[in-house]
Amino acid sequence: MMPKSRGVKKALVIGSGGIVIAQAAEFDYSGSQCLKALKEEGVETILVNPNVATIQTSMKMADKVYLEPCTADVVEQIIKKEKPDGILLGFGGQTALNIGVQLARRGVFQREGVKVLGTSIKAIDVTEDRLLFKNAMEQSDVPIPKSDAAYSVNDALTIAAEVGYPVIVRTAYMLGGGGAGIAYNASQLKEIVEQALEWSIEHQVLVEQYLGNWKEIEFEVMRDYDDNTIIVAALENLDPMGIHTGDSIVVAPTQTLTNEEYQLLRSASIRVIRSVGIVGECNIQFALDPYSERYVAIEVNPRMSRSSALASKATGYPLAYIAAKLALGYNLPELSNKITGVTTACFEPALDYIVVKVPRWDFQKFPGQVNKFLGPMMKSVGEVMSIARSFEEAIQKAIRELDIGKIGLVGNEGDDDSESLEELKASLQHPTDERIFN
């Protein structure tokens, strides 16, 4: 089996950079698996990542490691020095995607003869630019919330008046919901948009109808250059829309969807990934009305994500490893699943067990200095995963794994059952990291 990208002898992999909430060690798994897959094909690997607290930066992984800042200027200099044939952008979080977009716009790839392996810059732009994303979903016949892109506070106020409050503000080219927020009136919207515009490298935000009580469902999807497409995992957020999926408790497989709802979202996922042109892995997020089969597409991540690592471990499907092989030109049917040893990479996993992910926060390290309320901007610093035969068992195991002094959902020392109904409603309307114990 020879990959289509036969001319790739040296490839550059961009890491996620320094340690910040939502990216750093979270992408060590995907980057390490990518390097492993490339080296198996005899490709010389160059890694750019200053984070020494990772497996991928150990000398046994890449042929050469640059412990340099992950910025477009630095990567451009490394490209000029190393002369790689190809570059992979989908294994270093939002940092790698943004660097790739910036270098493409400077003409660096064309000037230096570097191929973007896997998902193209055009596809990245479609998923990250909020206006292009909206247009792509309409072409795929996939509904989206009422929304529009804004480039100023006045734009945002005009859009919100048309959409109707409350609205959620999403930032273009941003990881972990950075700069995002929910506005119930014009004053709140102005404050959120002013900050979000500063966060966005494109100075663009999406002002979108807020669907706070809808279910949040995620699909992990794979596609190759030959348009073979499979669903690797379907994940259901225990928390409704409005809380970033990185701060949500997530269950696989989905627990409350009917077969009709599942097939509806599965078909939409396949239309989306094919329309956008992803090659490799992507994460697609949907909002689903709990009282009907109405759904909308919220976001597409054209890269490995936190959810990808969870899906890999939950299903036994090596997403990052296979995605790197697809980037070189292999197709899904001709690759084997190294974990199962008997199925091809085009075989969709089936789970006869329950997997639960629970985020981990460290708010106690900053008493009185941080806002503990959870929303569209991610605040967790890690997560745990448990596997069991039932949801009840899995959630109990995950709570204990958090190592926060809890033995489970109930029966904990200091538990207070004296909350009034009003207090309970308030805690559910304004969730914190303690919401599961209320």
Protein backbone atom coordinates (compact mmCIF):
# COMPACT_ATOMS: atom_id res chain seq x y z
CA MET A 1 0.00 0.00 0.00
CA MET A 2 1.62 3.21 -1.16
CA PRO A 3 0.19 6.54 -0.02
CA LYS A 4 -0.81 9.09 -2.63
CA SER A 5 1.55 11.72 -1.22
CA ARG A 6 4.61 9.74 -2.37
CA GLY A 7 6.74 12.86 -2.61
CA VAL A 8 6.55 13.58 1.13
CA LYS A 9 9.90 12.68 2.63
CA LYS A 10 10.01 15.32 5.36
CA ALA A 11 7.00 16.66 7.26
CA LEU A 12 6.59 19.47 9.77
CA VAL A 13 4.17 18.98 12.67
CA ILE A 14 3.05 22.00 14.71
CA GLY A 15 2.28 21.50 18.40
CA SER A 16 -0.15 23.48 20.53
CA GLY A 17 2.45 25.64 22.26
CA GLY A 18 2.80 26.74 25.86
CA ILE A 19 0.59 25.62 28.70
CA VAL A 20 -2.73 27.45 28.83
CA ILE A 21 -6.23 26.31 29.77
CA ALA A 22 -7.77 24.27 26.91
CA GLN A 23 -4.57 23.45 25.09
CA ALA A 24 -1.10 22.09 25.83
CA ALA A 25 -0.92 18.56 27.19
CA GLU A 26 -4.46 18.01 25.86
CA PHE A 27 -2.95 17.65 22.38
CA ASP A 28 0.09 15.60 23.36
CA TYR A 29 -1.78 12.39 22.59
CA SER A 30 -2.74 13.44 19.07
CA GLY A 31 0.68 14.89 18.25
CA SER A 32 2.50 11.81 19.49
CA GLN A 33 0.24 9.48 17.51
CA CYS A 34 0.78 11.62 14.41
CA LEU A 35 4.56 11.42 14.71
CA LYS A 36 4.37 7.67 15.23
CA ALA A 37 2.25 7.19 12.12
CA LEU A 38 4.54 9.34 9.96
CA LYS A 39 7.73 7.60 11.07
CA GLU A 40 6.20 4.22 10.21
CA GLU A 41 6.00 5.46 6.62
CA GLY A 42 9.65 6.50 6.58
CA VAL A 43 8.80 10.21 6.69
CA GLU A 44 11.37 12.40 8.45
CA THR A 45 9.52 14.38 11.13
CA ILE A 46 10.14 17.90 12.41
CA LEU A 47 8.20 19.07 15.47
CA VAL A 48 7.73 22.67 16.64
CA ASN A 49 6.53 22.85 20.25
CA PRO A 50 8.03 24.67 23.27
CA ASN A 51 6.13 22.56 25.81
CA VAL A 52 8.70 20.18 27.30
CA ALA A 53 6.07 18.56 29.54
CA THR A 54 4.89 16.33 26.69
CA ILE A 55 5.70 12.93 25.21
CA GLN A 56 5.90 14.35 21.69
CA THR A 57 8.89 16.57 22.54
CA SER A 58 10.98 13.63 23.73
CA MET A 59 13.77 12.81 21.30
CA LYS A 60 12.43 9.33 20.54
CA MET A 61 9.29 10.70 18.90
CA ALA A 62 10.35 13.23 16.25
CA ASP A 63 13.57 13.24 14.26
CA LYS A 64 14.12 16.88 15.16
CA VAL A 65 12.41 19.02 17.82
CA TYR A 66 12.32 22.82 17.88
CA LEU A 67 11.52 24.03 21.39
CA GLU A 68 10.49 27.39 19.97
CA PRO A 69 7.33 29.50 20.35
CA CYS A 70 4.47 28.34 18.16
CA THR A 71 4.01 31.50 16.11
CA ALA A 72 3.72 32.09 12.38
CA ASP A 73 7.02 34.02 12.29
CA VAL A 74 8.96 31.22 14.00
CA VAL A 75 7.40 28.45 11.91
CA GLU A 76 8.14 30.40 8.71
CA GLN A 77 11.83 30.55 9.63
CA ILE A 78 11.87 26.82 10.41
CA ILE A 79 10.25 26.06 7.04
CA LYS A 80 12.92 28.09 5.26
CA LYS A 81 15.66 26.24 7.13
CA GLU A 82 14.31 22.68 7.06
CA LYS A 83 12.60 22.70 3.63
CA PRO A 84 9.85 20.20 4.54
CA ASP A 85 7.73 18.67 1.78
CA GLY A 86 4.55 18.76 3.83
CA ILE A 87 2.98 20.24 6.95
CA LEU A 88 0.28 18.85 9.27
CA LEU A 89 -1.99 21.34 11.03
CA GLY A 90 -4.66 19.17 12.65
CA PHE A 91 -2.70 17.83 15.63
CA GLY A 92 -1.78 20.99 17.53
CA GLY A 93 -5.15 22.44 18.52
CA GLN A 94 -6.27 25.89 17.48
CA THR A 95 -2.69 27.18 17.64
CA ALA A 96 -1.60 25.00 14.72
CA LEU A 97 -4.67 25.84 12.64
CA ASN A 98 -4.20 29.58 13.10
CA ILE A 99 -0.52 29.38 12.23
CA GLY A 100 -1.35 27.45 9.07
CA VAL A 101 -3.95 30.01 8.00
CA GLN A 102 -1.55 32.90 8.62
CA LEU A 103 1.28 31.24 6.67
CA ALA A 104 -1.01 30.42 3.76
CA ARG A 105 -2.15 34.02 3.53
CA ARG A 106 1.46 35.16 3.49
CA GLY A 107 2.10 32.83 0.57
CA VAL A 108 4.71 30.85 2.51
CA PHE A 109 3.47 27.39 1.51
CA GLN A 110 3.32 28.23 -2.17
CA ARG A 111 6.66 30.05 -2.12
CA GLU A 112 8.48 27.26 -0.25
CA GLY A 113 6.74 24.35 -2.01
CA VAL A 114 5.11 22.93 1.14
CA LYS A 115 1.99 20.75 0.85
CA VAL A 116 -0.72 21.06 3.48
CA LEU A 117 -1.39 17.40 4.27
CA GLY A 118 -4.91 16.36 5.19
CA THR A 119 -7.57 19.03 5.66
CA SER A 120 -6.91 22.01 3.38
CA ILE A 121 -6.61 25.67 4.35
CA LYS A 122 -9.86 26.30 2.49
CA ALA A 123 -11.68 23.75 4.66
CA ILE A 124 -10.16 25.24 7.82
CA ASP A 125 -11.36 28.68 6.77
CA VAL A 126 -14.88 27.35 6.17
CA THR A 127 -15.11 25.91 9.69
CA GLU A 128 -13.42 28.79 11.50
CA ASP A 129 -14.78 31.83 9.67
CA ARG A 130 -18.30 32.19 11.03
CA LEU A 131 -19.80 33.61 7.85
CA LEU A 132 -18.26 30.91 5.63
CA PHE A 133 -19.45 28.28 8.10
CA LYS A 134 -22.99 29.57 7.92
CA ASN A 135 -22.92 29.44 4.12
CA ALA A 136 -21.45 25.92 4.09
CA MET A 137 -24.15 24.58 6.40
CA GLU A 138 -26.86 26.05 4.22
CA GLN A 139 -25.33 24.36 1.16
CA SER A 140 -25.23 21.04 3.08
CA ASP A 141 -28.93 21.36 3.93
CA VAL A 142 -28.02 21.34 7.62
CA PRO A 143 -29.92 23.90 9.72
CA ILE A 144 -28.08 26.36 11.94
CA PRO A 145 -29.31 28.80 14.59
CA LYS A 146 -30.34 32.29 13.51
CA SER A 147 -27.03 34.12 13.38
CA ASP A 148 -24.73 36.47 11.52
CA ALA A 149 -21.11 37.55 11.63
CA ALA A 150 -20.23 40.87 13.29
CA TYR A 151 -17.10 42.97 12.95
CA SER A 152 -18.05 45.71 15.39
CA VAL A 153 -20.23 46.32 18.43
CA ASN A 154 -22.78 48.13 16.29
CA ASP A 155 -22.95 45.15 13.92
CA ALA A 156 -23.56 42.86 16.90
CA LEU A 157 -26.31 45.05 18.33
CA THR A 158 -28.09 45.16 14.97
CA ILE A 159 -27.88 41.37 14.54
CA ALA A 160 -29.10 40.72 18.09
CA ALA A 161 -32.12 42.94 17.52
CA GLU A 162 -33.02 40.82 14.48
CA VAL A 163 -32.27 37.44 16.13
CA GLY A 164 -33.84 38.31 19.46
CA TYR A 165 -32.35 38.05 22.95
CA PRO A 166 -30.84 36.07 24.53
CA VAL A 167 -27.93 35.54 22.14
CA ILE A 168 -24.61 33.77 22.40
CA VAL A 169 -21.41 35.35 21.07
CA ARG A 170 -18.85 33.00 19.49
CA THR A 171 -15.33 34.06 18.51
CA ALA A 172 -13.78 33.15 15.16
CA TYR A 173 -10.49 31.18 15.13
CA MET A 174 -10.56 30.60 18.88
CA LEU A 175 -10.13 27.48 21.06
CA GLY A 176 -12.05 26.66 24.19
CA GLY A 177 -14.74 29.25 23.61
CA GLY A 178 -12.34 32.07 24.36
CA GLY A 179 -14.17 35.41 24.43
CA ALA A 180 -17.58 33.74 24.15
CA GLY A 181 -20.51 34.77 26.31
CA ILE A 182 -24.29 34.85 26.65
CA ALA A 183 -26.09 38.20 26.50
CA TYR A 184 -29.63 38.80 27.70
CA ASN A 185 -29.66 42.48 26.79
CA ALA A 186 -27.80 45.10 24.76
CA SER A 187 -25.60 46.20 27.66
CA GLN A 188 -24.29 42.67 28.26
CA LEU A 189 -23.82 42.14 24.52
CA LYS A 190 -21.73 45.27 24.14
CA GLU A 191 -19.39 44.21 26.95
CA ILE A 192 -18.96 40.67 25.59
CA VAL A 193 -18.42 41.71 21.97
CA GLU A 194 -15.81 44.35 22.86
CA GLN A 195 -13.73 41.64 24.52
CA ALA A 196 -14.42 38.92 21.94
CA LEU A 197 -13.33 41.11 19.02
CA GLU A 198 -9.97 41.60 20.73
CA TRP A 199 -9.56 37.84 21.12
CA SER A 200 -10.28 36.98 17.48
CA ILE A 201 -7.38 37.04 15.02
CA GLU A 202 -9.92 37.93 12.32
CA HIS A 203 -11.65 40.58 14.49
CA GLN A 204 -14.88 38.69 13.86
CA VAL A 205 -17.59 37.20 16.09
CA LEU A 206 -20.82 35.31 15.46
CA VAL A 207 -23.96 36.57 17.18
CA GLU A 208 -26.24 33.58 17.43
CA GLN A 209 -29.65 32.61 18.80
CA TYR A 210 -29.15 31.08 22.26
CA LEU A 211 -30.54 27.56 22.62
CA GLY A 212 -29.84 27.15 26.31
CA ASN A 213 -32.17 24.24 27.07
CA TRP A 214 -31.39 22.08 24.03
CA LYS A 215 -29.31 18.91 24.18
CA GLU A 216 -25.70 19.07 22.98
CA ILE A 217 -24.61 16.08 20.88
CA GLU A 218 -21.15 15.56 19.35
CA PHE A 219 -20.10 13.29 16.50
CA GLU A 220 -16.52 12.21 15.81
CA VAL A 221 -16.26 11.68 12.05
CA MET A 222 -13.49 10.37 9.75
CA ARG A 223 -13.13 10.93 5.99
CA ASP A 224 -10.42 10.12 3.46
CA TYR A 225 -9.46 11.64 0.09
CA ASP A 226 -11.70 9.08 -1.69
CA ASP A 227 -14.75 10.34 0.26
CA ASN A 228 -15.08 7.22 2.44
CA THR A 229 -16.73 8.49 5.62
CA ILE A 230 -17.50 6.84 8.97
CA ILE A 231 -18.85 7.84 12.37
CA VAL A 232 -16.42 6.80 15.09
CA ALA A 233 -18.39 7.97 18.13
CA ALA A 234 -21.51 9.83 19.17
CA LEU A 235 -21.19 11.69 22.47
CA GLU A 236 -23.98 13.19 24.58
CA ASN A 237 -23.39 16.08 26.94
CA LEU A 238 -25.11 15.69 30.30
CA ASP A 239 -25.17 19.49 30.51
CA PRO A 240 -27.42 21.36 28.07
CA MET A 241 -26.32 23.95 25.53
CA GLY A 242 -24.72 27.01 27.11
CA ILE A 243 -21.91 25.19 28.92
CA HIS A 244 -18.77 24.60 26.86
CA THR A 245 -18.37 20.91 26.03
CA GLY A 246 -14.95 20.98 27.72
CA ASP A 247 -16.74 21.87 30.97
CA SER A 248 -19.58 19.38 30.41
CA ILE A 249 -20.00 15.86 31.68
CA VAL A 250 -20.05 13.73 28.51
CA VAL A 251 -21.37 10.20 27.95
CA ALA A 252 -20.70 7.71 25.15
CA PRO A 253 -22.64 6.23 23.52
CA THR A 254 -25.61 8.63 23.53
CA GLN A 255 -28.20 7.73 26.15
CA THR A 256 -31.40 9.64 25.44
CA LEU A 257 -31.61 9.78 21.61
CA THR A 258 -34.20 7.78 19.74
CA ASN A 259 -32.99 5.82 16.73
CA GLU A 260 -34.64 8.39 14.47
CA GLU A 261 -32.79 11.25 16.19
CA TYR A 262 -29.48 9.41 16.03
CA GLN A 263 -29.83 8.60 12.32
CA LEU A 264 -30.90 12.19 11.62
CA LEU A 265 -27.73 13.59 13.21
CA ARG A 266 -25.52 10.85 11.77
CA SER A 267 -26.66 11.66 8.22
CA ALA A 268 -26.17 15.38 8.87
CA SER A 269 -22.62 14.74 10.13
CA ILE A 270 -21.70 12.91 6.94
CA ARG A 271 -23.14 15.70 4.77
CA VAL A 272 -21.20 18.29 6.75
CA ILE A 273 -17.77 16.63 6.60
CA ARG A 274 -18.14 15.94 2.87
CA SER A 275 -19.34 19.43 2.08
CA VAL A 276 -16.56 21.12 4.03
CA GLY A 277 -13.90 18.78 2.61
CA ILE A 278 -12.28 17.51 5.79
CA VAL A 279 -9.60 14.84 5.30
CA GLY A 280 -8.90 13.00 8.54
CA GLU A 281 -10.88 13.57 11.72
CA CYS A 282 -13.32 16.25 12.77
CA ASN A 283 -15.66 16.93 15.67
CA ILE A 284 -19.18 18.16 14.83
CA GLN A 285 -21.42 19.65 17.52
CA PHE A 286 -25.20 19.73 17.28
CA ALA A 287 -27.98 21.19 19.39
CA LEU A 288 -31.11 19.03 19.56
CA ASP A 289 -34.53 20.16 20.78
CA PRO A 290 -35.47 17.73 23.61
CA TYR A 291 -39.16 17.95 22.67
CA SER A 292 -38.92 17.40 18.90
CA GLU A 293 -36.52 16.30 16.18
CA ARG A 294 -35.46 19.87 15.45
CA TYR A 295 -31.68 20.22 15.38
CA VAL A 296 -29.02 22.71 14.35
CA ALA A 297 -25.29 22.48 13.70
CA ILE A 298 -23.30 24.58 16.14
CA GLU A 299 -19.65 24.05 15.31
CA VAL A 300 -17.18 21.95 13.33
CA ASN A 301 -13.62 21.42 14.61
CA PRO A 302 -11.41 20.45 11.63
CA ARG A 303 -8.75 18.94 13.89
CA MET A 304 -8.11 16.63 16.76
CA SER A 305 -9.72 17.91 19.96
CA ARG A 306 -10.16 17.01 23.60
CA SER A 307 -13.21 15.02 22.55
CA SER A 308 -11.09 13.16 19.99
CA ALA A 309 -8.79 11.83 22.69
CA LEU A 310 -11.83 10.79 24.72
CA ALA A 311 -13.42 9.09 21.68
CA SER A 312 -10.17 7.25 20.89
CA LYS A 313 -9.90 5.79 24.37
CA ALA A 314 -13.64 5.13 24.67
CA THR A 315 -13.98 3.25 21.38
CA GLY A 316 -10.55 1.73 20.85
CA TYR A 317 -10.28 3.58 17.53
CA PRO A 318 -6.89 5.36 17.15
CA LEU A 319 -8.23 8.58 15.65
CA ALA A 320 -5.00 10.60 15.49
CA TYR A 321 -2.94 7.69 14.16
CA ILE A 322 -5.44 6.97 11.38
CA ALA A 323 -5.90 10.68 10.61
CA ALA A 324 -2.16 11.04 10.01
CA LYS A 325 -2.18 8.06 7.64
CA LEU A 326 -5.13 9.56 5.75
CA ALA A 327 -3.21 12.84 5.43
CA LEU A 328 -0.50 10.93 3.55
CA GLY A 329 -3.05 9.61 1.10
CA TYR A 330 -4.18 6.23 2.40
CA ASN A 331 -7.90 5.48 2.38
CA LEU A 332 -9.90 3.98 5.24
CA PRO A 333 -10.55 0.49 3.79
CA GLU A 334 -6.85 -0.23 3.24
CA LEU A 335 -5.81 0.68 6.79
CA SER A 336 -6.18 -1.69 9.74
CA ASN A 337 -7.20 -0.76 13.28
CA LYS A 338 -4.01 -1.51 15.21
CA ILE A 339 -5.93 -1.77 18.49
CA THR A 340 -8.44 -4.42 17.43
CA GLY A 341 -6.06 -6.08 15.01
CA VAL A 342 -8.93 -7.58 13.00
CA THR A 343 -11.04 -4.70 11.67
CA THR A 344 -10.25 -2.12 9.01
CA ALA A 345 -10.22 1.59 9.76
CA CYS A 346 -13.48 1.83 7.79
CA PHE A 347 -15.31 -0.25 10.41
CA GLU A 348 -17.45 1.80 12.80
CA PRO A 349 -16.93 0.89 16.48
CA ALA A 350 -19.88 -0.42 18.53
CA LEU A 351 -19.90 -0.04 22.33
CA ASP A 352 -21.49 -2.50 24.75
CA TYR A 353 -20.36 -0.44 27.74
CA ILE A 354 -20.74 3.12 29.04
CA VAL A 355 -17.99 5.76 29.07
CA VAL A 356 -18.30 8.93 31.17
CA LYS A 357 -16.01 11.97 31.07
CA VAL A 358 -16.05 14.45 33.96
CA PRO A 359 -13.99 17.69 33.80
CA ARG A 360 -11.58 18.69 36.57
CA TRP A 361 -11.26 22.29 37.78
CA ASP A 362 -8.76 23.93 40.11
CA PHE A 363 -10.78 26.90 41.30
CA GLN A 364 -9.63 26.31 44.89
CA LYS A 365 -6.15 27.50 43.92
CA PHE A 366 -7.55 30.99 43.28
CA PRO A 367 -9.99 31.67 46.12
CA GLY A 368 -12.06 34.77 45.49
CA GLN A 369 -10.20 35.53 42.26
CA VAL A 370 -12.12 33.56 39.66
CA ASN A 371 -15.73 33.31 38.58
CA LYS A 372 -16.80 29.71 39.20
CA PHE A 373 -19.93 29.91 37.05
CA LEU A 374 -19.74 27.75 33.94
CA GLY A 375 -20.67 29.03 30.50
CA PRO A 376 -19.53 28.99 26.86
CA MET A 377 -15.91 29.81 27.79
CA MET A 378 -14.02 26.72 28.97
CA LYS A 379 -12.47 26.80 32.46
CA SER A 380 -11.55 23.19 33.22
CA VAL A 381 -7.88 22.18 33.38
CA GLY A 382 -8.31 18.46 32.79
CA GLU A 383 -10.72 15.56 32.90
CA VAL A 384 -11.17 11.96 33.99
CA MET A 385 -12.77 9.05 32.14
CA SER A 386 -14.47 5.96 33.50
CA ILE A 387 -15.78 2.80 31.85
CA ALA A 388 -18.56 0.64 33.27
CA ARG A 389 -21.60 -1.47 32.38
CA SER A 390 -24.11 1.20 33.41
CA PHE A 391 -24.28 4.98 33.55
CA GLU A 392 -24.78 4.93 37.33
CA GLU A 393 -21.62 2.93 37.88
CA ALA A 394 -19.59 4.98 35.39
CA ILE A 395 -20.55 8.37 36.89
CA GLN A 396 -19.79 7.16 40.42
CA LYS A 397 -16.36 5.91 39.35
CA ALA A 398 -15.60 9.17 37.55
CA ILE A 399 -16.52 11.26 40.61
CA ARG A 400 -14.06 9.26 42.72
CA GLU A 401 -11.37 9.59 40.03
CA LEU A 402 -11.53 13.39 40.32
CA ASP A 403 -9.66 13.13 43.63
CA ILE A 404 -11.60 16.01 45.18
CA GLY A 405 -12.60 14.18 48.35
CA LYS A 406 -15.93 12.88 47.02
CA ILE A 407 -16.94 9.22 47.28
CA GLY A 408 -19.73 9.66 44.73
CA LEU A 409 -22.76 11.78 43.98
CA VAL A 410 -24.20 11.37 47.48
CA GLY A 411 -23.09 10.32 50.95
CA ASN A 412 -20.18 12.76 51.04
CA GLU A 413 -18.96 14.34 54.24
CA GLY A 414 -20.50 17.78 54.65
CA ASP A 415 -23.40 17.14 52.25
CA ASP A 416 -26.18 19.66 52.87
CA ASP A 417 -29.71 18.54 52.04
CA SER A 418 -31.34 21.67 53.43
CA GLU A 419 -31.40 23.64 50.16
CA SER A 420 -34.75 25.19 49.41
CA LEU A 421 -36.43 24.72 46.04
CA GLU A 422 -35.56 28.31 45.13
CA GLU A 423 -31.89 27.77 45.99
CA LEU A 424 -31.82 24.55 43.98
CA LYS A 425 -33.34 26.28 40.94
CA ALA A 426 -30.81 29.10 41.25
CA SER A 427 -27.89 26.65 41.36
CA LEU A 428 -29.19 24.92 38.22
CA GLN A 429 -29.74 28.22 36.40
CA HIS A 430 -26.21 29.38 37.28
CA PRO A 431 -24.16 26.15 37.28
CA THR A 432 -20.72 25.83 38.86
CA ASP A 433 -18.27 22.96 39.15
CA GLU A 434 -20.37 21.74 42.11
CA ARG A 435 -23.63 21.53 40.15
CA ILE A 436 -23.63 17.73 39.97
CA PHE A 437 -23.78 17.54 43.77
CA ASN A 438 -26.72 19.95 44.18
